[in-house]
PDB file of N, CA and C in Angstrom:
ATOM      1  N   MET A   1     190.589  -6.096  34.593  1.00  0.00           N
ATOM      2  CA  MET A   1     189.714  -5.848  35.566  1.00  0.00           C
ATOM      3  C   MET A   1     189.893  -4.385  35.875  1.00  0.00           C
ATOM      4  N   SER A   2     188.842  -3.648  35.928  1.00  0.00           N
ATOM      5  CA  SER A   2     189.006  -2.200  36.632  1.00  0.00           C
ATOM      6  C   SER A   2     188.023  -2.561  37.896  1.00  0.00           C
ATOM      7  N   VAL A   3     188.686  -1.627  38.808  1.00  0.00           N
ATOM      8  CA  VAL A   3     187.713  -1.202  40.285  1.00  0.00           C
ATOM      9  C   VAL A   3     186.717  -0.007  39.843  1.00  0.00           C
ATOM     10  N   TRP A   4     185.331  -0.545  40.061  1.00  0.00           N
ATOM     11  CA  TRP A   4     184.536   0.607  39.454  1.00  0.00           C
ATOM     12  C   TRP A   4     183.774   1.156  40.895  1.00  0.00           C
ATOM     13  N   ARG A   5     183.679   2.542  40.688  1.00  0.00           N
ATOM     14  CA  ARG A   5     183.390   3.164  41.838  1.00  0.00           C
ATOM     15  C   ARG A   5     182.171   4.005  41.864  1.00  0.00           C
ATOM     16  N   LYS A   6     181.238   4.072  42.685  1.00  0.00           N
ATOM     17  CA  LYS A   6     180.089   4.725  42.314  1.00  0.00           C
ATOM     18  C   LYS A   6     180.501   6.346  43.189  1.00  0.00           C
ATOM     19  N   SER A   7     179.610   7.349  42.805  1.00  0.00           N
ATOM     20  CA  SER A   7     179.751   8.652  43.353  1.00  0.00           C
ATOM     21  C   SER A   7     179.248   8.380  44.814  1.00  0.00           C
ATOM     22  N   SER A   8     180.098   9.337  45.609  1.00  0.00           N
ATOM     23  CA  SER A   8     179.291   9.360  47.197  1.00  0.00           C
ATOM     24  C   SER A   8     177.877  10.121  47.165  1.00  0.00           C
ATOM     25  N   TYR A   9     177.707  10.605  46.008  1.00  0.00           N
ATOM     26  CA  TYR A   9     176.340  11.416  46.176  1.00  0.00           C
ATOM     27  C   TYR A   9     175.174  10.339  45.927  1.00  0.00           C
ATOM     28  N   SER A  10     175.691   9.266  45.367  1.00  0.00           N
ATOM     29  CA  SER A  10     174.531   8.011  45.052  1.00  0.00           C
ATOM     30  C   SER A  10     174.041   7.197  46.430  1.00  0.00           C
ATOM     31  N   ALA A  11     174.422   7.559  47.387  1.00  0.00           N
ATOM     32  CA  ALA A  11     174.374   6.661  48.708  1.00  0.00           C
ATOM     33  C   ALA A  11     173.997   5.175  48.309  1.00  0.00           C
ATOM     34  N   ASN A  12     172.929   4.596  48.828  1.00  0.00           N
ATOM     35  CA  ASN A  12     172.600   3.140  48.447  1.00  0.00           C
ATOM     36  C   ASN A  12     171.891   3.065  47.304  1.00  0.00           C
ATOM     37  N   SER A  13     171.823   3.936  45.991  1.00  0.00           N
ATOM     38  CA  SER A  13     170.750   4.082  45.330  1.00  0.00           C
ATOM     39  C   SER A  13     171.703   3.142  44.113  1.00  0.00           C
ATOM     40  N   SER A  14     170.509   2.136  43.274  1.00  0.00           N
ATOM     41  CA  SER A  14     171.484   1.409  42.364  1.00  0.00           C
ATOM     42  C   SER A  14     170.962   2.288  40.808  1.00  0.00           C
ATOM     43  N   ASP A  15     170.685   3.438  41.205  1.00  0.00           N
ATOM     44  CA  ASP A  15     170.596   4.254  39.747  1.00  0.00           C
ATOM     45  C   ASP A  15     171.582   5.424  39.739  1.00  0.00           C
ATOM     46  N   CYS A  16     172.844   4.978  39.139  1.00  0.00           N
ATOM     47  CA  CYS A  16     173.991   5.699  39.328  1.00  0.00           C
ATOM     48  C   CYS A  16     174.716   5.370  38.149  1.00  0.00           C
ATOM     49  N   VAL A  17     175.920   6.568  37.766  1.00  0.00           N
ATOM     50  CA  VAL A  17     176.808   6.295  37.081  1.00  0.00           C
ATOM     51  C   VAL A  17     177.961   5.772  37.894  1.00  0.00           C
ATOM     52  N   GLU A  18     179.144   4.933  37.323  1.00  0.00           N
ATOM     53  CA  GLU A  18     180.157   4.403  37.882  1.00  0.00           C
ATOM     54  C   GLU A  18     181.272   4.708  37.332  1.00  0.00           C
ATOM     55  N   VAL A  19     182.193   5.037  37.736  1.00  0.00           N
ATOM     56  CA  VAL A  19     183.813   5.510  37.198  1.00  0.00           C
ATOM     57  C   VAL A  19     184.678   4.162  37.393  1.00  0.00           C
ATOM     58  N   GLY A  20     185.255   3.913  36.149  1.00  0.00           N
ATOM     59  CA  GLY A  20     186.330   2.739  36.483  1.00  0.00           C
ATOM     60  C   GLY A  20     187.743   3.236  36.128  1.00  0.00           C
ATOM     61  N   ARG A  21     188.824   3.300  36.995  1.00  0.00           N
ATOM     62  CA  ARG A  21     190.113   3.969  36.812  1.00  0.00           C
ATOM     63  C   ARG A  21     190.924   3.379  35.498  1.00  0.00           C
ATOM     64  N   GLY A  22     191.006   4.192  34.572  1.00  0.00           N
ATOM     65  CA  GLY A  22     191.788   3.834  33.145  1.00  0.00           C
ATOM     66  C   GLY A  22     190.738   2.927  32.295  1.00  0.00           C
ATOM     67  N   VAL A  23     189.681   2.930  32.611  1.00  0.00           N
ATOM     68  CA  VAL A  23     188.569   2.325  31.506  1.00  0.00           C
ATOM     69  C   VAL A  23     187.299   3.089  30.982  1.00  0.00           C
ATOM     70  N   GLY A  24     186.647   3.839  31.835  1.00  0.00           N
ATOM     71  CA  GLY A  24     185.730   4.644  31.350  1.00  0.00           C
ATOM     72  C   GLY A  24     184.714   4.972  32.483  1.00  0.00           C
ATOM     73  N   VAL A  25     183.502   5.052  32.050  1.00  0.00           N
ATOM     74  CA  VAL A  25     182.205   5.068  32.955  1.00  0.00           C
ATOM     75  C   VAL A  25     181.182   4.162  32.385  1.00  0.00           C
ATOM     76  N   ARG A  26     180.275   3.826  33.250  1.00  0.00           N
ATOM     77  CA  ARG A  26     179.045   2.813  32.988  1.00  0.00           C
ATOM     78  C   ARG A  26     177.754   2.955  33.602  1.00  0.00           C
ATOM     79  N   ASP A  27     176.746   2.730  33.059  1.00  0.00           N
ATOM     80  CA  ASP A  27     175.477   2.826  34.100  1.00  0.00           C
ATOM     81  C   ASP A  27     175.533   1.679  35.075  1.00  0.00           C
ATOM     82  N   SER A  28     175.285   2.000  36.306  1.00  0.00           N
ATOM     83  CA  SER A  28     175.284   0.539  37.111  1.00  0.00           C
ATOM     84  C   SER A  28     173.997  -0.182  37.039  1.00  0.00           C
ATOM     85  N   LYS A  29     172.819   0.303  35.929  1.00  0.00           N
ATOM     86  CA  LYS A  29     172.062  -0.859  35.843  1.00  0.00           C
ATOM     87  C   LYS A  29     172.500  -1.826  34.772  1.00  0.00           C
ATOM     88  N   ALA A  30     173.673  -1.258  33.765  1.00  0.00           N
ATOM     89  CA  ALA A  30     174.232  -2.116  32.600  1.00  0.00           C
ATOM     90  C   ALA A  30     175.607  -2.339  32.558  1.00  0.00           C
ATOM     91  N   PRO A  31     175.935  -3.240  33.864  1.00  0.00           N
ATOM     92  CA  PRO A  31     177.530  -2.881  33.928  1.00  0.00           C
ATOM     93  C   PRO A  31     178.274  -3.826  32.889  1.00  0.00           C
ATOM     94  N   ALA A  32     177.712  -4.432  32.178  1.00  0.00           N
ATOM     95  CA  ALA A  32     178.286  -5.298  31.071  1.00  0.00           C
ATOM     96  C   ALA A  32     179.079  -4.402  29.838  1.00  0.00           C
ATOM     97  N   THR A  33     178.342  -3.068  30.039  1.00  0.00           N
ATOM     98  CA  THR A  33     179.122  -2.293  28.926  1.00  0.00           C
ATOM     99  C   THR A  33     179.505  -1.133  29.638  1.00  0.00           C
ATOM    100  N   HIS A  34     180.479  -0.266  28.858  1.00  0.00           N
ATOM    101  CA  HIS A  34     180.942   0.763  29.505  1.00  0.00           C
ATOM    102  C   HIS A  34     181.378   1.572  28.295  1.00  0.00           C
ATOM    103  N   LEU A  35     181.664   2.979  28.666  1.00  0.00           N
ATOM    104  CA  LEU A  35     182.105   4.119  27.448  1.00  0.00           C
ATOM    105  C   LEU A  35     183.553   4.368  27.874  1.00  0.00           C
ATOM    106  N   PRO A  36     184.392   3.916  26.929  1.00  0.00           N
ATOM    107  CA  PRO A  36     185.942   4.202  27.341  1.00  0.00           C
ATOM    108  C   PRO A  36     186.066   5.740  27.403  1.00  0.00           C
ATOM    109  N   VAL A  37     187.150   6.099  28.106  1.00  0.00           N
ATOM    110  CA  VAL A  37     187.355   7.451  28.166  1.00  0.00           C
ATOM    111  C   VAL A  37     189.049   7.520  28.789  1.00  0.00           C
ATOM    112  N   SER A  38     189.494   8.400  27.891  1.00  0.00           N
ATOM    113  CA  SER A  38     191.071   8.383  28.166  1.00  0.00           C
ATOM    114  C   SER A  38     191.179   9.448  29.452  1.00  0.00           C
ATOM    115  N   GLY A  39     192.526   9.030  29.983  1.00  0.00           N
ATOM    116  CA  GLY A  39     192.770  10.063  31.138  1.00  0.00           C
ATOM    117  C   GLY A  39     192.717  11.389  30.904  1.00  0.00           C
ATOM    118  N   GLU A  40     193.107  11.656  29.863  1.00  0.00           N
ATOM    119  CA  GLU A  40     193.232  13.186  29.509  1.00  0.00           C
ATOM    120  C   GLU A  40     191.902  13.709  29.425  1.00  0.00           C
ATOM    121  N   ALA A  41     191.230  13.084  29.105  1.00  0.00           N
ATOM    122  CA  ALA A  41     189.491  13.253  28.501  1.00  0.00           C
ATOM    123  C   ALA A  41     188.864  13.371  29.571  1.00  0.00           C
ATOM    124  N   TRP A  42     188.800  12.676  30.633  1.00  0.00           N
ATOM    125  CA  TRP A  42     188.564  12.618  32.038  1.00  0.00           C
ATOM    126  C   TRP A  42     188.907  13.798  33.101  1.00  0.00           C
ATOM    127  N   THR A  43     190.224  14.380  32.870  1.00  0.00           N
ATOM    128  CA  THR A  43     190.782  15.151  33.480  1.00  0.00           C
ATOM    129  C   THR A  43     190.294  16.460  32.896  1.00  0.00           C
ATOM    130  N   ALA A  44     190.302  16.612  31.376  1.00  0.00           N
ATOM    131  CA  ALA A  44     189.248  17.732  31.093  1.00  0.00           C
ATOM    132  C   ALA A  44     187.923  17.732  31.437  1.00  0.00           C
ATOM    133  N   PHE A  45     187.297  16.981  31.456  1.00  0.00           N
ATOM    134  CA  PHE A  45     185.995  16.779  31.846  1.00  0.00           C
ATOM    135  C   PHE A  45     185.694  17.140  33.686  1.00  0.00           C
ATOM    136  N   LEU A  46     186.666  16.756  34.416  1.00  0.00           N
ATOM    137  CA  LEU A  46     186.593  17.100  35.862  1.00  0.00           C
ATOM    138  C   LEU A  46     186.806  18.632  35.820  1.00  0.00           C
ATOM    139  N   GLY A  47     187.851  18.941  35.148  1.00  0.00           N
ATOM    140  CA  GLY A  47     188.357  20.645  35.181  1.00  0.00           C
ATOM    141  C   GLY A  47     187.280  21.266  34.716  1.00  0.00           C
ATOM    142  N   SER A  48     186.362  21.136  33.715  1.00  0.00           N
ATOM    143  CA  SER A  48     185.273  21.651  33.222  1.00  0.00           C
ATOM    144  C   SER A  48     184.277  21.746  34.419  1.00  0.00           C
ATOM    145  N   VAL A  49     183.965  20.526  34.966  1.00  0.00           N
ATOM    146  CA  VAL A  49     182.790  20.345  35.896  1.00  0.00           C
ATOM    147  C   VAL A  49     183.108  21.323  37.282  1.00  0.00           C
ATOM    148  N   ARG A  50     184.454  21.447  37.588  1.00  0.00           N
ATOM    149  CA  ARG A  50     184.819  21.878  38.966  1.00  0.00           C
ATOM    150  C   ARG A  50     184.712  23.582  38.651  1.00  0.00           C
ATOM    151  N   SER A  51     185.006  23.988  37.324  1.00  0.00           N
ATOM    152  CA  SER A  51     185.124  25.331  37.078  1.00  0.00           C
ATOM    153  C   SER A  51     183.758  26.113  36.804  1.00  0.00           C
ATOM    154  N   GLY A  52     182.875  25.029  36.325  1.00  0.00           N
ATOM    155  CA  GLY A  52     181.574  25.328  35.815  1.00  0.00           C
ATOM    156  C   GLY A  52     181.442  25.733  34.655  1.00  0.00           C
ATOM    157  N   ARG A  53     182.386  25.442  33.847  1.00  0.00           N
ATOM    158  CA  ARG A  53     182.467  25.887  32.408  1.00  0.00           C
ATOM    159  C   ARG A  53     181.715  24.958  31.753  1.00  0.00           C
ATOM    160  N   ARG A  54     181.387  25.461  30.425  1.00  0.00           N
ATOM    161  CA  ARG A  54     180.547  24.609  29.310  1.00  0.00           C
ATOM    162  C   ARG A  54     181.274  24.611  28.029  1.00  0.00           C
ATOM    163  N   SER A  55     181.353  23.265  27.582  1.00  0.00           N
ATOM    164  CA  SER A  55     182.368  23.172  26.115  1.00  0.00           C
ATOM    165  C   SER A  55     181.673  23.487  25.097  1.00  0.00           C
ATOM    166  N   ALA A  56     181.849  24.265  23.933  1.00  0.00           N
ATOM    167  CA  ALA A  56     181.078  23.896  22.760  1.00  0.00           C
ATOM    168  C   ALA A  56     181.711  22.600  22.070  1.00  0.00           C
ATOM    169  N   ARG A  57     182.658  22.132  22.467  1.00  0.00           N
ATOM    170  CA  ARG A  57     183.393  20.980  21.535  1.00  0.00           C
ATOM    171  C   ARG A  57     183.352  19.845  22.154  1.00  0.00           C
ATOM    172  N   ALA A  58     182.774  18.808  21.805  1.00  0.00           N
ATOM    173  CA  ALA A  58     182.623  17.426  22.377  1.00  0.00           C
ATOM    174  C   ALA A  58     183.884  16.705  22.427  1.00  0.00           C
ATOM    175  N   VAL A  59     184.185  15.915  23.688  1.00  0.00           N
ATOM    176  CA  VAL A  59     185.408  15.448  23.676  1.00  0.00           C
ATOM    177  C   VAL A  59     185.475  14.071  23.290  1.00  0.00           C
TER     178      VAL A  59
END
């Protein structure tokens, strides 16, 4: 079982995306399902977000 974490930008809202370490991402309104994401893909995603880049390639 993974520990799921909401973004600090979500405040007390129930409409958010949650991240589970080593598992993936899920919608807080549908926590029974999640999208698996590898550590490498997550690192690449965060790097792109931080740099403001857009990728033409889907990960």
